[in-house]
N, C-alpha and C. Protein backbone atom coordinates (compact mmCIF):
# COMPACT_ATOMS: atom_id res chain seq x y z
N MET A 1 -32.12 40.08 -23.84
CA MET A 1 -33.35 39.89 -23.09
C MET A 1 -33.73 38.41 -23.14
N GLU A 2 -34.28 37.94 -22.06
CA GLU A 2 -34.65 36.53 -22.00
C GLU A 2 -35.97 36.23 -22.69
N ARG A 3 -36.85 37.20 -22.75
CA ARG A 3 -38.18 36.99 -23.34
C ARG A 3 -38.33 37.81 -24.62
N ASP A 4 -39.37 37.47 -25.36
CA ASP A 4 -39.74 38.26 -26.53
C ASP A 4 -40.84 39.22 -26.11
N TYR A 5 -40.54 40.50 -26.19
CA TYR A 5 -41.48 41.52 -25.77
C TYR A 5 -42.20 42.14 -26.96
N THR A 6 -43.33 42.75 -26.67
CA THR A 6 -44.13 43.46 -27.66
C THR A 6 -43.97 44.95 -27.42
N VAL A 7 -43.88 45.72 -28.51
CA VAL A 7 -43.77 47.17 -28.44
C VAL A 7 -45.18 47.77 -28.39
N PHE A 8 -45.37 48.79 -27.56
CA PHE A 8 -46.65 49.51 -27.57
C PHE A 8 -46.41 51.00 -27.77
N LEU A 9 -47.33 51.62 -28.48
CA LEU A 9 -47.42 53.08 -28.61
C LEU A 9 -48.84 53.47 -28.24
N HIS A 10 -48.99 54.41 -27.33
CA HIS A 10 -50.30 54.90 -26.94
C HIS A 10 -50.34 56.41 -27.18
N PHE A 11 -51.35 56.87 -27.88
CA PHE A 11 -51.57 58.30 -28.11
C PHE A 11 -52.71 58.71 -27.18
N ILE A 12 -52.38 59.50 -26.17
CA ILE A 12 -53.31 59.80 -25.08
C ILE A 12 -53.75 61.25 -25.16
N GLY A 13 -55.07 61.45 -25.10
CA GLY A 13 -55.65 62.78 -25.23
C GLY A 13 -55.58 63.60 -23.96
N PRO A 14 -56.00 64.87 -24.06
CA PRO A 14 -55.97 65.78 -22.90
C PRO A 14 -56.80 65.28 -21.72
N ASP A 15 -57.80 64.45 -21.99
CA ASP A 15 -58.66 63.91 -20.93
C ASP A 15 -58.09 62.64 -20.31
N GLY A 16 -56.91 62.20 -20.77
CA GLY A 16 -56.28 61.00 -20.23
C GLY A 16 -56.73 59.71 -20.90
N LYS A 17 -57.65 59.82 -21.86
CA LYS A 17 -58.13 58.62 -22.56
C LYS A 17 -57.28 58.36 -23.80
N MET A 18 -57.13 57.07 -24.11
CA MET A 18 -56.36 56.69 -25.28
C MET A 18 -57.14 57.01 -26.56
N VAL A 19 -56.48 57.73 -27.46
CA VAL A 19 -57.06 58.12 -28.74
C VAL A 19 -56.70 57.10 -29.81
N ALA A 20 -55.49 56.58 -29.74
CA ALA A 20 -55.01 55.59 -30.72
C ALA A 20 -53.91 54.77 -30.07
N GLN A 21 -53.72 53.56 -30.60
CA GLN A 21 -52.63 52.73 -30.10
C GLN A 21 -52.14 51.82 -31.21
N HIS A 22 -50.91 51.36 -31.03
CA HIS A 22 -50.33 50.39 -31.96
C HIS A 22 -49.44 49.47 -31.14
N ASP A 23 -49.68 48.18 -31.21
CA ASP A 23 -48.87 47.18 -30.53
C ASP A 23 -48.38 46.18 -31.58
N SER A 24 -47.11 45.84 -31.53
CA SER A 24 -46.60 44.84 -32.46
C SER A 24 -45.25 44.31 -32.00
N GLN A 25 -44.86 43.21 -32.57
CA GLN A 25 -43.54 42.65 -32.32
C GLN A 25 -42.52 43.54 -33.02
N PRO A 26 -41.32 43.69 -32.45
CA PRO A 26 -40.30 44.54 -33.07
C PRO A 26 -39.95 44.11 -34.49
N ALA A 27 -39.63 45.11 -35.28
CA ALA A 27 -39.17 44.90 -36.66
C ALA A 27 -40.13 44.03 -37.46
N SER A 28 -41.43 44.33 -37.32
CA SER A 28 -42.47 43.57 -38.04
C SER A 28 -42.35 42.07 -37.77
N ALA A 29 -42.05 41.73 -36.53
CA ALA A 29 -41.92 40.35 -36.07
C ALA A 29 -40.75 39.60 -36.70
N THR A 30 -39.75 40.34 -37.17
CA THR A 30 -38.58 39.69 -37.77
C THR A 30 -37.35 39.70 -36.88
N TYR A 31 -37.40 40.44 -35.76
CA TYR A 31 -36.22 40.53 -34.89
C TYR A 31 -36.69 40.57 -33.43
N PRO A 32 -37.01 39.41 -32.85
CA PRO A 32 -37.53 39.36 -31.49
C PRO A 32 -36.52 39.88 -30.47
N THR A 33 -37.03 40.42 -29.38
CA THR A 33 -36.14 41.01 -28.36
C THR A 33 -35.19 39.98 -27.75
N SER A 34 -35.54 38.70 -27.74
CA SER A 34 -34.64 37.69 -27.19
C SER A 34 -33.38 37.52 -28.05
N ALA A 35 -33.40 38.02 -29.27
CA ALA A 35 -32.24 37.94 -30.16
C ALA A 35 -31.39 39.21 -30.14
N TRP A 36 -31.82 40.24 -29.42
CA TRP A 36 -31.08 41.49 -29.38
C TRP A 36 -29.81 41.34 -28.56
N PRO A 37 -28.65 41.62 -29.14
CA PRO A 37 -27.42 41.56 -28.35
C PRO A 37 -27.26 42.82 -27.51
N PRO A 38 -26.60 42.71 -26.36
CA PRO A 38 -26.37 43.89 -25.51
C PRO A 38 -25.62 44.98 -26.27
N GLY A 39 -26.07 46.22 -26.10
CA GLY A 39 -25.40 47.36 -26.70
C GLY A 39 -25.80 47.70 -28.12
N GLU A 40 -26.56 46.84 -28.78
CA GLU A 40 -26.97 47.13 -30.16
C GLU A 40 -28.10 48.16 -30.15
N THR A 41 -28.05 49.09 -31.10
CA THR A 41 -29.14 50.04 -31.28
C THR A 41 -30.12 49.46 -32.28
N ILE A 42 -31.39 49.38 -31.88
CA ILE A 42 -32.42 48.80 -32.72
C ILE A 42 -33.30 49.93 -33.25
N VAL A 43 -33.49 50.00 -34.54
CA VAL A 43 -34.41 50.96 -35.16
C VAL A 43 -35.69 50.20 -35.47
N ASP A 44 -36.79 50.67 -34.91
CA ASP A 44 -38.07 49.99 -35.06
C ASP A 44 -39.14 51.03 -35.34
N ARG A 45 -39.68 51.03 -36.53
CA ARG A 45 -40.65 52.05 -36.94
C ARG A 45 -42.07 51.55 -36.72
N HIS A 46 -42.90 52.46 -36.22
CA HIS A 46 -44.31 52.16 -35.98
C HIS A 46 -45.15 53.34 -36.46
N THR A 47 -46.37 53.06 -36.87
CA THR A 47 -47.28 54.10 -37.35
C THR A 47 -48.54 54.08 -36.50
N LEU A 48 -48.95 55.26 -36.05
CA LEU A 48 -50.21 55.40 -35.33
C LEU A 48 -51.23 56.00 -36.29
N LYS A 49 -52.38 55.38 -36.42
CA LYS A 49 -53.46 55.92 -37.23
C LYS A 49 -54.35 56.75 -36.32
N LEU A 50 -54.36 58.05 -36.55
CA LEU A 50 -55.11 58.97 -35.72
C LEU A 50 -56.48 59.25 -36.32
N PRO A 51 -57.45 59.62 -35.48
CA PRO A 51 -58.77 59.98 -36.00
C PRO A 51 -58.66 61.13 -36.99
N SER A 52 -59.56 61.18 -37.96
CA SER A 52 -59.48 62.22 -38.99
C SER A 52 -59.71 63.62 -38.42
N HIS A 53 -60.47 63.73 -37.36
CA HIS A 53 -60.71 65.04 -36.74
C HIS A 53 -60.23 64.97 -35.30
N LEU A 54 -59.02 65.47 -35.10
CA LEU A 54 -58.40 65.44 -33.79
C LEU A 54 -58.52 66.84 -33.18
N ALA A 55 -59.09 66.94 -32.00
CA ALA A 55 -59.26 68.23 -31.35
C ALA A 55 -57.91 68.82 -30.96
N ALA A 56 -57.80 70.14 -31.00
CA ALA A 56 -56.59 70.81 -30.54
C ALA A 56 -56.42 70.53 -29.05
N GLY A 57 -55.20 70.45 -28.61
CA GLY A 57 -54.94 70.21 -27.20
C GLY A 57 -53.59 69.57 -26.96
N LYS A 58 -53.33 69.25 -25.71
CA LYS A 58 -52.07 68.63 -25.31
C LYS A 58 -52.25 67.12 -25.25
N TYR A 59 -51.41 66.42 -25.98
CA TYR A 59 -51.46 64.96 -26.08
C TYR A 59 -50.15 64.38 -25.59
N ILE A 60 -50.15 63.09 -25.38
CA ILE A 60 -48.94 62.37 -24.97
C ILE A 60 -48.81 61.13 -25.84
N ILE A 61 -47.59 60.85 -26.28
CA ILE A 61 -47.29 59.56 -26.88
C ILE A 61 -46.48 58.79 -25.85
N ALA A 62 -46.98 57.63 -25.46
CA ALA A 62 -46.27 56.76 -24.51
C ALA A 62 -45.80 55.53 -25.28
N ALA A 63 -44.56 55.14 -25.05
CA ALA A 63 -43.98 53.99 -25.76
C ALA A 63 -43.26 53.10 -24.76
N GLY A 64 -43.30 51.79 -25.02
CA GLY A 64 -42.59 50.86 -24.15
C GLY A 64 -42.71 49.44 -24.64
N LEU A 65 -42.32 48.52 -23.79
CA LEU A 65 -42.33 47.09 -24.09
C LEU A 65 -43.13 46.35 -23.02
N TYR A 66 -43.81 45.28 -23.42
CA TYR A 66 -44.52 44.44 -22.45
C TYR A 66 -44.48 42.98 -22.88
N ASP A 67 -44.69 42.11 -21.90
CA ASP A 67 -44.76 40.67 -22.15
C ASP A 67 -46.18 40.35 -22.60
N LEU A 68 -46.32 39.83 -23.80
CA LEU A 68 -47.64 39.55 -24.36
C LEU A 68 -48.42 38.52 -23.53
N ASP A 69 -47.73 37.54 -22.96
CA ASP A 69 -48.40 36.50 -22.17
C ASP A 69 -48.93 37.01 -20.83
N THR A 70 -48.13 37.84 -20.15
CA THR A 70 -48.50 38.29 -18.81
C THR A 70 -49.07 39.71 -18.79
N GLN A 71 -48.89 40.45 -19.88
CA GLN A 71 -49.29 41.86 -19.99
C GLN A 71 -48.45 42.78 -19.09
N GLU A 72 -47.37 42.27 -18.52
CA GLU A 72 -46.52 43.08 -17.65
C GLU A 72 -45.56 43.92 -18.48
N ARG A 73 -45.48 45.21 -18.13
CA ARG A 73 -44.56 46.11 -18.83
C ARG A 73 -43.14 45.94 -18.29
N VAL A 74 -42.17 46.08 -19.19
CA VAL A 74 -40.78 46.11 -18.78
C VAL A 74 -40.60 47.38 -17.94
N GLY A 75 -40.08 47.24 -16.74
CA GLY A 75 -39.87 48.38 -15.86
C GLY A 75 -41.00 48.63 -14.87
N GLY A 76 -42.10 47.91 -14.99
CA GLY A 76 -43.20 48.06 -14.04
C GLY A 76 -44.49 48.52 -14.70
N PRO A 77 -45.59 48.52 -13.95
CA PRO A 77 -46.92 48.75 -14.52
C PRO A 77 -47.13 50.11 -15.17
N ASP A 78 -46.47 51.15 -14.68
CA ASP A 78 -46.66 52.49 -15.25
C ASP A 78 -45.49 52.94 -16.08
N HIS A 79 -44.56 52.04 -16.35
CA HIS A 79 -43.33 52.44 -17.04
C HIS A 79 -43.54 52.58 -18.54
N ALA A 80 -43.17 53.74 -19.05
CA ALA A 80 -43.19 54.01 -20.49
C ALA A 80 -42.36 55.26 -20.73
N ALA A 81 -41.80 55.37 -21.92
CA ALA A 81 -41.18 56.63 -22.34
C ALA A 81 -42.33 57.53 -22.76
N VAL A 82 -42.35 58.77 -22.27
CA VAL A 82 -43.46 59.68 -22.51
C VAL A 82 -42.97 60.90 -23.28
N PHE A 83 -43.70 61.21 -24.36
CA PHE A 83 -43.35 62.34 -25.22
C PHE A 83 -44.55 63.27 -25.33
N PRO A 84 -44.54 64.41 -24.61
CA PRO A 84 -45.67 65.34 -24.72
C PRO A 84 -45.63 66.10 -26.03
N LEU A 85 -46.80 66.41 -26.56
CA LEU A 85 -46.87 67.22 -27.77
C LEU A 85 -48.19 67.98 -27.76
N THR A 86 -48.23 69.07 -28.53
CA THR A 86 -49.43 69.89 -28.62
C THR A 86 -49.93 69.86 -30.05
N VAL A 87 -51.21 69.58 -30.21
CA VAL A 87 -51.87 69.61 -31.52
C VAL A 87 -52.60 70.95 -31.60
N SER A 88 -52.21 71.79 -32.56
CA SER A 88 -52.88 73.09 -32.68
C SER A 88 -53.95 73.07 -33.76
N GLU A 89 -53.73 72.25 -34.78
CA GLU A 89 -54.71 72.16 -35.87
C GLU A 89 -54.56 70.82 -36.55
N CYS A 90 -55.66 70.20 -36.87
CA CYS A 90 -55.63 68.92 -37.56
C CYS A 90 -56.43 69.03 -38.84
N ARG A 91 -55.83 68.66 -39.95
CA ARG A 91 -56.52 68.76 -41.25
C ARG A 91 -56.72 67.39 -41.81
């Protein structure tokens, strides 16, 4: 990649509003995307801090990359990997 991108995770509630998010440079800012060689698999762990009382319902985790300077997402404005999940009980 020619630029250094930022990773985003968005935890989106049933109403479409963001409940939690985490944005950071890959690998705790130790391995910028401009240094990634083609074909390498990158493992990058992120933690989302969720509210202590999360209502039951259908949520989405959206993940992707964006340019910190321009705020443009890789792949376009709505591009993200989306992972649906259901919260039945939160303790």
